[in-house]
C-alpha atoms as a PDB file:
ATOM      1  CA  UNK A   1     -25.087  10.982  -0.107  1.00  0.00           C
ATOM      2  CA  UNK A   2     -23.911   9.286  -2.862  1.00  0.00           C
ATOM      3  CA  UNK A   3     -21.963  11.736  -3.982  1.00  0.00           C
ATOM      4  CA  UNK A   4     -19.912  13.012  -1.103  1.00  0.00           C
ATOM      5  CA  UNK A   5     -19.267   9.146  -0.803  1.00  0.00           C
ATOM      6  CA  UNK A   6     -17.458   9.412  -4.287  1.00  0.00           C
ATOM      7  CA  UNK A   7     -15.393  12.224  -3.792  1.00  0.00           C
ATOM      8  CA  UNK A   8     -14.127  11.202  -0.932  1.00  0.00           C
ATOM      9  CA  UNK A   9     -13.357   7.691  -2.604  1.00  0.00           C
ATOM     10  CA  UNK A  10     -11.689   9.249  -5.269  1.00  0.00           C
ATOM     11  CA  UNK A  11      -9.281  11.527  -3.149  1.00  0.00           C
ATOM     12  CA  UNK A  12      -8.481   8.064  -0.965  1.00  0.00           C
ATOM     13  CA  UNK A  13      -7.835   6.604  -4.415  1.00  0.00           C
ATOM     14  CA  UNK A  14      -5.263   9.751  -5.545  1.00  0.00           C
ATOM     15  CA  UNK A  15      -3.732   9.516  -2.125  1.00  0.00           C
ATOM     16  CA  UNK A  16      -3.218   5.537  -2.058  1.00  0.00           C
ATOM     17  CA  UNK A  17      -1.400   5.492  -5.538  1.00  0.00           C
ATOM     18  CA  UNK A  18       0.408   8.319  -4.481  1.00  0.00           C
ATOM     19  CA  UNK A  19       1.465   6.651  -1.036  1.00  0.00           C
ATOM     20  CA  UNK A  20       2.339   3.298  -3.474  1.00  0.00           C
ATOM     21  CA  UNK A  21       4.211   5.117  -5.725  1.00  0.00           C
ATOM     22  CA  UNK A  22       6.496   6.642  -2.475  1.00  0.00           C
ATOM     23  CA  UNK A  23       7.225   3.053  -1.258  1.00  0.00           C
ATOM     24  CA  UNK A  24      11.148   2.126  -1.575  1.00  0.00           C
ATOM     25  CA  UNK A  25      11.728  -0.486  -3.422  1.00  0.00           C
ATOM     26  CA  UNK A  26      12.737  -3.695  -1.708  1.00  0.00           C
ATOM     27  CA  UNK A  27      14.565  -5.574  -4.598  1.00  0.00           C
ATOM     28  CA  UNK A  28      18.088  -5.805  -3.446  1.00  0.00           C
ATOM     29  CA  UNK A  29      18.327  -9.197  -6.212  1.00  0.00           C
ATOM     30  CA  UNK A  30      21.596  -9.479  -7.871  1.00  0.00           C
ATOM     31  CA  UNK A  31      23.263 -12.219 -10.276  1.00  0.00           C
ATOM     32  CA  UNK A  32      25.178 -13.899  -7.206  1.00  0.00           C
ATOM     33  CA  UNK A  33      21.553 -14.613  -5.242  1.00  0.00           C
ATOM     34  CA  UNK A  34      19.806 -15.853  -8.392  1.00  0.00           C
ATOM     35  CA  UNK A  35      23.129 -18.292  -8.734  1.00  0.00           C
ATOM     36  CA  UNK A  36      23.529 -19.210  -5.008  1.00  0.00           C
ATOM     37  CA  UNK A  37      19.827 -19.735  -4.428  1.00  0.00           C
ATOM     38  CA  UNK A  38      19.430 -16.769  -2.419  1.00  0.00           C
ATOM     39  CA  UNK A  39      21.487 -17.499   0.881  1.00  0.00           C
ATOM     40  CA  UNK A  40      22.056 -14.308   1.495  1.00  0.00           C
ATOM     41  CA  UNK A  41      18.325 -13.446   1.837  1.00  0.00           C
ATOM     42  CA  UNK A  42      18.214 -15.061   4.920  1.00  0.00           C
ATOM     43  CA  UNK A  43      19.626 -12.138   7.343  1.00  0.00           C
ATOM     44  CA  UNK A  44      18.281  -9.913   4.891  1.00  0.00           C
ATOM     45  CA  UNK A  45      14.944  -9.030   6.340  1.00  0.00           C
ATOM     46  CA  UNK A  46      15.088  -6.273   8.722  1.00  0.00           C
ATOM     47  CA  UNK A  47      12.181  -3.801   9.903  1.00  0.00           C
ATOM     48  CA  UNK A  48      11.161  -1.255   8.811  1.00  0.00           C
ATOM     49  CA  UNK A  49      12.516   2.382   9.976  1.00  0.00           C
ATOM     50  CA  UNK A  50      11.702   6.204   9.427  1.00  0.00           C
ATOM     51  CA  UNK A  51      10.203   7.050   6.168  1.00  0.00           C
ATOM     52  CA  UNK A  52       9.736   3.334   5.509  1.00  0.00           C
ATOM     53  CA  UNK A  53       7.756   2.639   8.331  1.00  0.00           C
ATOM     54  CA  UNK A  54       5.298   5.643   8.307  1.00  0.00           C
ATOM     55  CA  UNK A  55       4.877   4.562   4.593  1.00  0.00           C
ATOM     56  CA  UNK A  56       3.572   1.266   5.458  1.00  0.00           C
ATOM     57  CA  UNK A  57       1.595   2.856   8.187  1.00  0.00           C
ATOM     58  CA  UNK A  58       0.230   5.081   5.843  1.00  0.00           C
ATOM     59  CA  UNK A  59      -0.876   2.907   3.050  1.00  0.00           C
ATOM     60  CA  UNK A  60      -2.356   0.377   5.546  1.00  0.00           C
ATOM     61  CA  UNK A  61      -4.250   2.889   6.685  1.00  0.00           C
ATOM     62  CA  UNK A  62      -5.348   4.455   3.109  1.00  0.00           C
ATOM     63  CA  UNK A  63      -6.220   0.745   1.971  1.00  0.00           C
ATOM     64  CA  UNK A  64      -8.482   0.387   4.119  1.00  0.00           C
ATOM     65  CA  UNK A  65     -10.573   3.214   3.788  1.00  0.00           C
ATOM     66  CA  UNK A  66     -10.214   2.657   0.636  1.00  0.00           C
ATOM     67  CA  UNK A  67     -11.856  -0.813   1.305  1.00  0.00           C
ATOM     68  CA  UNK A  68     -14.664   0.882   3.714  1.00  0.00           C
ATOM     69  CA  UNK A  69     -15.365   3.574   1.171  1.00  0.00           C
ATOM     70  CA  UNK A  70     -16.112   0.747  -1.621  1.00  0.00           C
ATOM     71  CA  UNK A  71     -18.729  -1.196   0.858  1.00  0.00           C
ATOM     72  CA  UNK A  72     -20.614   1.996   1.740  1.00  0.00           C
ATOM     73  CA  UNK A  73     -20.684   2.669  -1.932  1.00  0.00           C
ATOM     74  CA  UNK A  74     -21.799  -0.912  -2.891  1.00  0.00           C
ATOM     75  CA  UNK A  75     -24.573  -0.190   0.458  1.00  0.00           C
ATOM     76  CA  UNK A  76     -25.789   3.487  -0.332  1.00  0.00           C
ATOM     77  CA  UNK A  77     -25.996   2.222  -4.424  1.00  0.00           C
ATOM     78  CA  UNK A  78     -28.054  -0.612  -3.706  1.00  0.00           C
ATOM     79  CA  UNK A  79     -30.968   1.411  -1.668  1.00  0.00           C
END
């Protein structure tokens, strides 16, 4: 049981790392926003669409799986 959970945990770890690395960059900071105090950030918030939205959902799912499998490993190893 421990070996199965550990194998799943390692697979989820690799997939989670790949998902985080595939996230698009959100830093649109330039020198002007640093000088003006970032007033342009007021309207720069927008909802994720397309690939961004899918990657956010997939990253959330694999993050939750990572947490659940980590707790399962602790439980199995202590009993």
